[in-house]
């Protein structure tokens, strides 16, 4: 039997890995992940985004705003 929570977690992990691999991750992938991310993956996701911003000489304003929006909802 398929468990919705397990499937959502599996999809979230796939999206998180894609976002981690991409130098400039897709806004669509990030939005999809943010809609269904399980609480136990949120810290890892924020770490991925913060690392991308820290590694970029000129971090994107949309990425910084995304991080602010996520952290303000914690």
PDB file of N, CA and C in Angstrom:
ATOM      1  N   UNK A   1       0.832  -1.178   0.000  1.00  0.00           N
ATOM      2  CA  UNK A   1       0.000   0.000   0.000  1.00  0.00           C
ATOM      3  C   UNK A   1       0.884   1.252   0.000  1.00  0.00           C
ATOM      4  N   UNK A   2       0.473   2.252  -0.756  1.00  0.00           N
ATOM      5  CA  UNK A   2       1.230   3.489  -0.869  1.00  0.00           C
ATOM      6  C   UNK A   2       0.828   4.427   0.265  1.00  0.00           C
ATOM      7  N   UNK A   3       1.839   4.950   0.935  1.00  0.00           N
ATOM      8  CA  UNK A   3       1.632   5.883   2.029  1.00  0.00           C
ATOM      9  C   UNK A   3       1.982   7.280   1.507  1.00  0.00           C
ATOM     10  N   UNK A   4       1.012   8.182   1.549  1.00  0.00           N
ATOM     11  CA  UNK A   4       1.197   9.536   0.998  1.00  0.00           C
ATOM     12  C   UNK A   4       2.397  10.235   1.621  1.00  0.00           C
ATOM     13  N   UNK A   5       2.568  10.108   2.919  1.00  0.00           N
ATOM     14  CA  UNK A   5       3.674  10.769   3.614  1.00  0.00           C
ATOM     15  C   UNK A   5       5.031  10.246   3.123  1.00  0.00           C
ATOM     16  N   UNK A   6       5.128   8.930   2.910  1.00  0.00           N
ATOM     17  CA  UNK A   6       6.385   8.348   2.422  1.00  0.00           C
ATOM     18  C   UNK A   6       6.700   8.804   1.007  1.00  0.00           C
ATOM     19  N   UNK A   7       5.668   8.889   0.182  1.00  0.00           N
ATOM     20  CA  UNK A   7       5.870   9.347  -1.194  1.00  0.00           C
ATOM     21  C   UNK A   7       6.289  10.812  -1.202  1.00  0.00           C
ATOM     22  N   UNK A   8       5.637  11.641  -0.399  1.00  0.00           N
ATOM     23  CA  UNK A   8       6.000  13.056  -0.318  1.00  0.00           C
ATOM     24  C   UNK A   8       7.447  13.221   0.147  1.00  0.00           C
ATOM     25  N   UNK A   9       7.850  12.415   1.119  1.00  0.00           N
ATOM     26  CA  UNK A   9       9.224  12.480   1.610  1.00  0.00           C
ATOM     27  C   UNK A   9      10.197  12.052   0.517  1.00  0.00           C
ATOM     28  N   UNK A  10       9.858  11.003  -0.220  1.00  0.00           N
ATOM     29  CA  UNK A  10      10.727  10.535  -1.306  1.00  0.00           C
ATOM     30  C   UNK A  10      10.873  11.603  -2.384  1.00  0.00           C
ATOM     31  N   UNK A  11       9.771  12.231  -2.761  1.00  0.00           N
ATOM     32  CA  UNK A  11       9.816  13.298  -3.770  1.00  0.00           C
ATOM     33  C   UNK A  11      10.616  14.484  -3.235  1.00  0.00           C
ATOM     34  N   UNK A  12      10.420  14.827  -1.966  1.00  0.00           N
ATOM     35  CA  UNK A  12      11.157  15.933  -1.351  1.00  0.00           C
ATOM     36  C   UNK A  12      12.659  15.651  -1.382  1.00  0.00           C
ATOM     37  N   UNK A  13      13.047  14.435  -1.079  1.00  0.00           N
ATOM     38  CA  UNK A  13      14.478  14.073  -1.103  1.00  0.00           C
ATOM     39  C   UNK A  13      15.046  14.177  -2.524  1.00  0.00           C
ATOM     40  N   UNK A  14      14.278  13.743  -3.513  1.00  0.00           N
ATOM     41  CA  UNK A  14      14.728  13.859  -4.906  1.00  0.00           C
ATOM     42  C   UNK A  14      14.919  15.322  -5.309  1.00  0.00           C
ATOM     43  N   UNK A  15      13.945  16.141  -4.958  1.00  0.00           N
ATOM     44  CA  UNK A  15      14.049  17.565  -5.278  1.00  0.00           C
ATOM     45  C   UNK A  15      15.218  18.210  -4.543  1.00  0.00           C
ATOM     46  N   UNK A  16      15.396  17.859  -3.273  1.00  0.00           N
ATOM     47  CA  UNK A  16      16.485  18.431  -2.485  1.00  0.00           C
ATOM     48  C   UNK A  16      17.834  18.074  -3.102  1.00  0.00           C
ATOM     49  N   UNK A  17      17.993  16.848  -3.536  1.00  0.00           N
ATOM     50  CA  UNK A  17      19.258  16.444  -4.162  1.00  0.00           C
ATOM     51  C   UNK A  17      19.486  17.171  -5.484  1.00  0.00           C
ATOM     52  N   UNK A  18      18.426  17.376  -6.260  1.00  0.00           N
ATOM     53  CA  UNK A  18      18.551  18.116  -7.517  1.00  0.00           C
ATOM     54  C   UNK A  18      18.966  19.561  -7.235  1.00  0.00           C
ATOM     55  N   UNK A  19      18.342  20.169  -6.242  1.00  0.00           N
ATOM     56  CA  UNK A  19      18.666  21.545  -5.857  1.00  0.00           C
ATOM     57  C   UNK A  19      20.109  21.624  -5.371  1.00  0.00           C
ATOM     58  N   UNK A  20      20.534  20.641  -4.598  1.00  0.00           N
ATOM     59  CA  UNK A  20      21.907  20.610  -4.091  1.00  0.00           C
ATOM     60  C   UNK A  20      22.920  20.516  -5.251  1.00  0.00           C
ATOM     61  N   UNK A  21      22.627  19.715  -6.259  1.00  0.00           N
ATOM     62  CA  UNK A  21      23.545  19.497  -7.393  1.00  0.00           C
ATOM     63  C   UNK A  21      23.630  20.697  -8.328  1.00  0.00           C
ATOM     64  N   UNK A  22      22.518  21.391  -8.512  1.00  0.00           N
ATOM     65  CA  UNK A  22      22.483  22.489  -9.484  1.00  0.00           C
ATOM     66  C   UNK A  22      23.177  23.732  -8.939  1.00  0.00           C
ATOM     67  N   UNK A  23      24.029  24.312  -9.756  1.00  0.00           N
ATOM     68  CA  UNK A  23      24.672  25.566  -9.357  1.00  0.00           C
ATOM     69  C   UNK A  23      23.619  26.650  -9.158  1.00  0.00           C
ATOM     70  N   UNK A  24      22.696  26.716 -10.095  1.00  0.00           N
ATOM     71  CA  UNK A  24      21.591  27.673 -10.016  1.00  0.00           C
ATOM     72  C   UNK A  24      20.296  26.865 -10.070  1.00  0.00           C
ATOM     73  N   UNK A  25      19.792  26.466  -8.915  1.00  0.00           N
ATOM     74  CA  UNK A  25      18.626  25.584  -8.893  1.00  0.00           C
ATOM     75  C   UNK A  25      17.371  26.235  -9.473  1.00  0.00           C
ATOM     76  N   UNK A  26      16.533  25.395  -9.990  1.00  0.00           N
ATOM     77  CA  UNK A  26      15.279  25.817 -10.584  1.00  0.00           C
ATOM     78  C   UNK A  26      14.343  26.394  -9.515  1.00  0.00           C
ATOM     79  N   UNK A  27      13.787  27.558  -9.817  1.00  0.00           N
ATOM     80  CA  UNK A  27      12.807  28.160  -8.900  1.00  0.00           C
ATOM     81  C   UNK A  27      11.581  27.260  -8.779  1.00  0.00           C
ATOM     82  N   UNK A  28      11.246  26.571  -9.855  1.00  0.00           N
ATOM     83  CA  UNK A  28      10.109  25.649  -9.825  1.00  0.00           C
ATOM     84  C   UNK A  28      10.385  24.482  -8.884  1.00  0.00           C
ATOM     85  N   UNK A  29      11.584  23.911  -8.959  1.00  0.00           N
ATOM     86  CA  UNK A  29      11.944  22.812  -8.051  1.00  0.00           C
ATOM     87  C   UNK A  29      11.903  23.274  -6.598  1.00  0.00           C
ATOM     88  N   UNK A  30      12.433  24.467  -6.342  1.00  0.00           N
ATOM     89  CA  UNK A  30      12.437  24.970  -4.961  1.00  0.00           C
ATOM     90  C   UNK A  30      11.011  25.211  -4.470  1.00  0.00           C
ATOM     91  N   UNK A  31      10.170  25.769  -5.320  1.00  0.00           N
ATOM     92  CA  UNK A  31       8.778  26.008  -4.930  1.00  0.00           C
ATOM     93  C   UNK A  31       8.049  24.700  -4.660  1.00  0.00           C
ATOM     94  N   UNK A  32       8.283  23.702  -5.522  1.00  0.00           N
ATOM     95  CA  UNK A  32       7.642  22.395  -5.319  1.00  0.00           C
ATOM     96  C   UNK A  32       8.094  21.785  -3.989  1.00  0.00           C
ATOM     97  N   UNK A  33       9.383  21.865  -3.710  1.00  0.00           N
ATOM     98  CA  UNK A  33       9.899  21.322  -2.456  1.00  0.00           C
ATOM     99  C   UNK A  33       9.293  22.045  -1.262  1.00  0.00           C
ATOM    100  N   UNK A  34       9.229  23.349  -1.322  1.00  0.00           N
ATOM    101  CA  UNK A  34       8.706  24.141  -0.203  1.00  0.00           C
ATOM    102  C   UNK A  34       7.235  23.850   0.071  1.00  0.00           C
ATOM    103  N   UNK A  35       6.501  23.406  -0.922  1.00  0.00           N
ATOM    104  CA  UNK A  35       5.084  23.094  -0.722  1.00  0.00           C
ATOM    105  C   UNK A  35       4.881  21.816   0.087  1.00  0.00           C
ATOM    106  N   UNK A  36       5.845  20.899   0.023  1.00  0.00           N
ATOM    107  CA  UNK A  36       5.623  19.589   0.651  1.00  0.00           C
ATOM    108  C   UNK A  36       6.766  19.121   1.534  1.00  0.00           C
ATOM    109  N   UNK A  37       7.731  19.977   1.822  1.00  0.00           N
ATOM    110  CA  UNK A  37       8.910  19.527   2.560  1.00  0.00           C
ATOM    111  C   UNK A  37       8.536  19.068   3.973  1.00  0.00           C
ATOM    112  N   UNK A  38       8.992  17.883   4.354  1.00  0.00           N
ATOM    113  CA  UNK A  38       8.750  17.431   5.723  1.00  0.00           C
ATOM    114  C   UNK A  38       9.614  18.255   6.691  1.00  0.00           C
ATOM    115  N   UNK A  39       9.129  18.493   7.892  1.00  0.00           N
ATOM    116  CA  UNK A  39       9.876  19.309   8.853  1.00  0.00           C
ATOM    117  C   UNK A  39      11.306  18.821   9.105  1.00  0.00           C
ATOM    118  N   UNK A  40      11.535  17.513   9.039  1.00  0.00           N
ATOM    119  CA  UNK A  40      12.875  17.009   9.328  1.00  0.00           C
ATOM    120  C   UNK A  40      13.871  17.295   8.197  1.00  0.00           C
ATOM    121  N   UNK A  41      13.413  17.734   7.030  1.00  0.00           N
ATOM    122  CA  UNK A  41      14.319  18.088   5.936  1.00  0.00           C
ATOM    123  C   UNK A  41      14.507  19.600   5.792  1.00  0.00           C
ATOM    124  N   UNK A  42      13.754  20.371   6.537  1.00  0.00           N
ATOM    125  CA  UNK A  42      13.804  21.828   6.392  1.00  0.00           C
ATOM    126  C   UNK A  42      15.181  22.394   6.722  1.00  0.00           C
ATOM    127  N   UNK A  43      15.788  21.930   7.798  1.00  0.00           N
ATOM    128  CA  UNK A  43      17.124  22.409   8.167  1.00  0.00           C
ATOM    129  C   UNK A  43      18.153  22.101   7.097  1.00  0.00           C
ATOM    130  N   UNK A  44      18.076  20.917   6.527  1.00  0.00           N
ATOM    131  CA  UNK A  44      19.001  20.523   5.462  1.00  0.00           C
ATOM    132  C   UNK A  44      18.801  21.402   4.231  1.00  0.00           C
ATOM    133  N   UNK A  45      17.544  21.673   3.908  1.00  0.00           N
ATOM    134  CA  UNK A  45      17.235  22.535   2.763  1.00  0.00           C
ATOM    135  C   UNK A  45      17.803  23.939   2.973  1.00  0.00           C
ATOM    136  N   UNK A  46      17.593  24.495   4.153  1.00  0.00           N
ATOM    137  CA  UNK A  46      18.130  25.827   4.437  1.00  0.00           C
ATOM    138  C   UNK A  46      19.655  25.832   4.368  1.00  0.00           C
ATOM    139  N   UNK A  47      20.282  24.772   4.833  1.00  0.00           N
ATOM    140  CA  UNK A  47      21.740  24.673   4.759  1.00  0.00           C
ATOM    141  C   UNK A  47      22.204  24.671   3.307  1.00  0.00           C
ATOM    142  N   UNK A  48      21.498  23.946   2.443  1.00  0.00           N
ATOM    143  CA  UNK A  48      21.829  23.914   1.018  1.00  0.00           C
ATOM    144  C   UNK A  48      21.726  25.323   0.429  1.00  0.00           C
ATOM    145  N   UNK A  49      20.634  26.010   0.726  1.00  0.00           N
ATOM    146  CA  UNK A  49      20.447  27.362   0.178  1.00  0.00           C
ATOM    147  C   UNK A  49      21.488  28.332   0.721  1.00  0.00           C
ATOM    148  N   UNK A  50      21.759  28.266   2.019  1.00  0.00           N
ATOM    149  CA  UNK A  50      22.757  29.158   2.613  1.00  0.00           C
ATOM    150  C   UNK A  50      24.145  28.899   2.048  1.00  0.00           C
ATOM    151  N   UNK A  51      24.467  27.651   1.787  1.00  0.00           N
ATOM    152  CA  UNK A  51      25.760  27.310   1.198  1.00  0.00           C
ATOM    153  C   UNK A  51      25.868  27.894  -0.199  1.00  0.00           C
ATOM    154  N   UNK A  52      24.794  27.799  -0.970  1.00  0.00           N
ATOM    155  CA  UNK A  52      24.806  28.353  -2.323  1.00  0.00           C
ATOM    156  C   UNK A  52      25.022  29.869  -2.278  1.00  0.00           C
ATOM    157  N   UNK A  53      24.357  30.543  -1.366  1.00  0.00           N
ATOM    158  CA  UNK A  53      24.505  31.998  -1.231  1.00  0.00           C
ATOM    159  C   UNK A  53      25.925  32.341  -0.790  1.00  0.00           C
ATOM    160  N   UNK A  54      26.458  31.593   0.167  1.00  0.00           N
ATOM    161  CA  UNK A  54      27.801  31.866   0.676  1.00  0.00           C
ATOM    162  C   UNK A  54      28.869  31.623  -0.394  1.00  0.00           C
ATOM    163  N   UNK A  55      28.634  30.650  -1.270  1.00  0.00           N
ATOM    164  CA  UNK A  55      29.606  30.311  -2.306  1.00  0.00           C
ATOM    165  C   UNK A  55      29.529  31.216  -3.531  1.00  0.00           C
ATOM    166  N   UNK A  56      28.521  32.049  -3.610  1.00  0.00           N
ATOM    167  CA  UNK A  56      28.308  32.902  -4.782  1.00  0.00           C
ATOM    168  C   UNK A  56      28.823  34.306  -4.488  1.00  0.00           C
ATOM    169  N   UNK A  57      29.689  34.810  -5.355  1.00  0.00           N
ATOM    170  CA  UNK A  57      30.232  36.152  -5.142  1.00  0.00           C
ATOM    171  C   UNK A  57      29.135  37.213  -5.149  1.00  0.00           C
ATOM    172  N   UNK A  58      28.139  37.008  -6.004  1.00  0.00           N
ATOM    173  CA  UNK A  58      27.006  37.923  -6.081  1.00  0.00           C
ATOM    174  C   UNK A  58      25.722  37.116  -5.934  1.00  0.00           C
ATOM    175  N   UNK A  59      25.356  36.793  -4.701  1.00  0.00           N
ATOM    176  CA  UNK A  59      24.150  35.964  -4.509  1.00  0.00           C
ATOM    177  C   UNK A  59      22.906  36.671  -5.040  1.00  0.00           C
ATOM    178  N   UNK A  60      22.004  35.864  -5.558  1.00  0.00           N
ATOM    179  CA  UNK A  60      20.798  36.441  -6.148  1.00  0.00           C
ATOM    180  C   UNK A  60      19.861  36.961  -5.067  1.00  0.00           C
ATOM    181  N   UNK A  61      19.245  38.066  -5.369  1.00  0.00           N
ATOM    182  CA  UNK A  61      18.267  38.658  -4.461  1.00  0.00           C
ATOM    183  C   UNK A  61      17.079  37.712  -4.265  1.00  0.00           C
ATOM    184  N   UNK A  62      16.564  37.079  -5.330  1.00  0.00           N
ATOM    185  CA  UNK A  62      15.460  36.134  -5.115  1.00  0.00           C
ATOM    186  C   UNK A  62      15.835  34.988  -4.163  1.00  0.00           C
ATOM    187  N   UNK A  63      17.077  34.503  -4.233  1.00  0.00           N
ATOM    188  CA  UNK A  63      17.496  33.430  -3.332  1.00  0.00           C
ATOM    189  C   UNK A  63      17.559  33.935  -1.890  1.00  0.00           C
ATOM    190  N   UNK A  64      18.096  35.121  -1.698  1.00  0.00           N
ATOM    191  CA  UNK A  64      18.141  35.695  -0.356  1.00  0.00           C
ATOM    192  C   UNK A  64      16.734  35.915   0.201  1.00  0.00           C
ATOM    193  N   UNK A  65      15.840  36.391  -0.638  1.00  0.00           N
ATOM    194  CA  UNK A  65      14.448  36.591  -0.207  1.00  0.00           C
ATOM    195  C   UNK A  65      13.772  35.260   0.118  1.00  0.00           C
ATOM    196  N   UNK A  66      14.079  34.244  -0.643  1.00  0.00           N
ATOM    197  CA  UNK A  66      13.525  32.905  -0.397  1.00  0.00           C
ATOM    198  C   UNK A  66      13.965  32.416   0.989  1.00  0.00           C
ATOM    199  N   UNK A  67      15.246  32.579   1.297  1.00  0.00           N
ATOM    200  CA  UNK A  67      15.761  32.172   2.607  1.00  0.00           C
ATOM    201  C   UNK A  67      15.069  32.968   3.711  1.00  0.00           C
ATOM    202  N   UNK A  68      14.923  34.264   3.526  1.00  0.00           N
ATOM    203  CA  UNK A  68      14.230  35.092   4.522  1.00  0.00           C
ATOM    204  C   UNK A  68      12.795  34.626   4.724  1.00  0.00           C
ATOM    205  N   UNK A  69      12.104  34.345   3.628  1.00  0.00           N
ATOM    206  CA  UNK A  69      10.708  33.915   3.719  1.00  0.00           C
ATOM    207  C   UNK A  69      10.582  32.586   4.471  1.00  0.00           C
ATOM    208  N   UNK A  70      11.476  31.662   4.177  1.00  0.00           N
ATOM    209  CA  UNK A  70      11.424  30.358   4.844  1.00  0.00           C
ATOM    210  C   UNK A  70      11.721  30.510   6.330  1.00  0.00           C
ATOM    211  N   UNK A  71      12.755  31.277   6.659  1.00  0.00           N
ATOM    212  CA  UNK A  71      13.114  31.405   8.071  1.00  0.00           C
ATOM    213  C   UNK A  71      12.080  32.203   8.863  1.00  0.00           C
ATOM    214  N   UNK A  72      11.378  33.112   8.206  1.00  0.00           N
ATOM    215  CA  UNK A  72      10.360  33.874   8.930  1.00  0.00           C
ATOM    216  C   UNK A  72       9.143  33.009   9.277  1.00  0.00           C
ATOM    217  N   UNK A  73       9.001  31.893   8.562  1.00  0.00           N
ATOM    218  CA  UNK A  73       7.865  31.014   8.855  1.00  0.00           C
ATOM    219  C   UNK A  73       8.201  29.938   9.888  1.00  0.00           C
ATOM    220  N   UNK A  74       9.430  29.925  10.373  1.00  0.00           N
ATOM    221  CA  UNK A  74       9.818  28.914  11.370  1.00  0.00           C
ATOM    222  C   UNK A  74       9.234  29.227  12.736  1.00  0.00           C
TER     223      UNK A  74
END
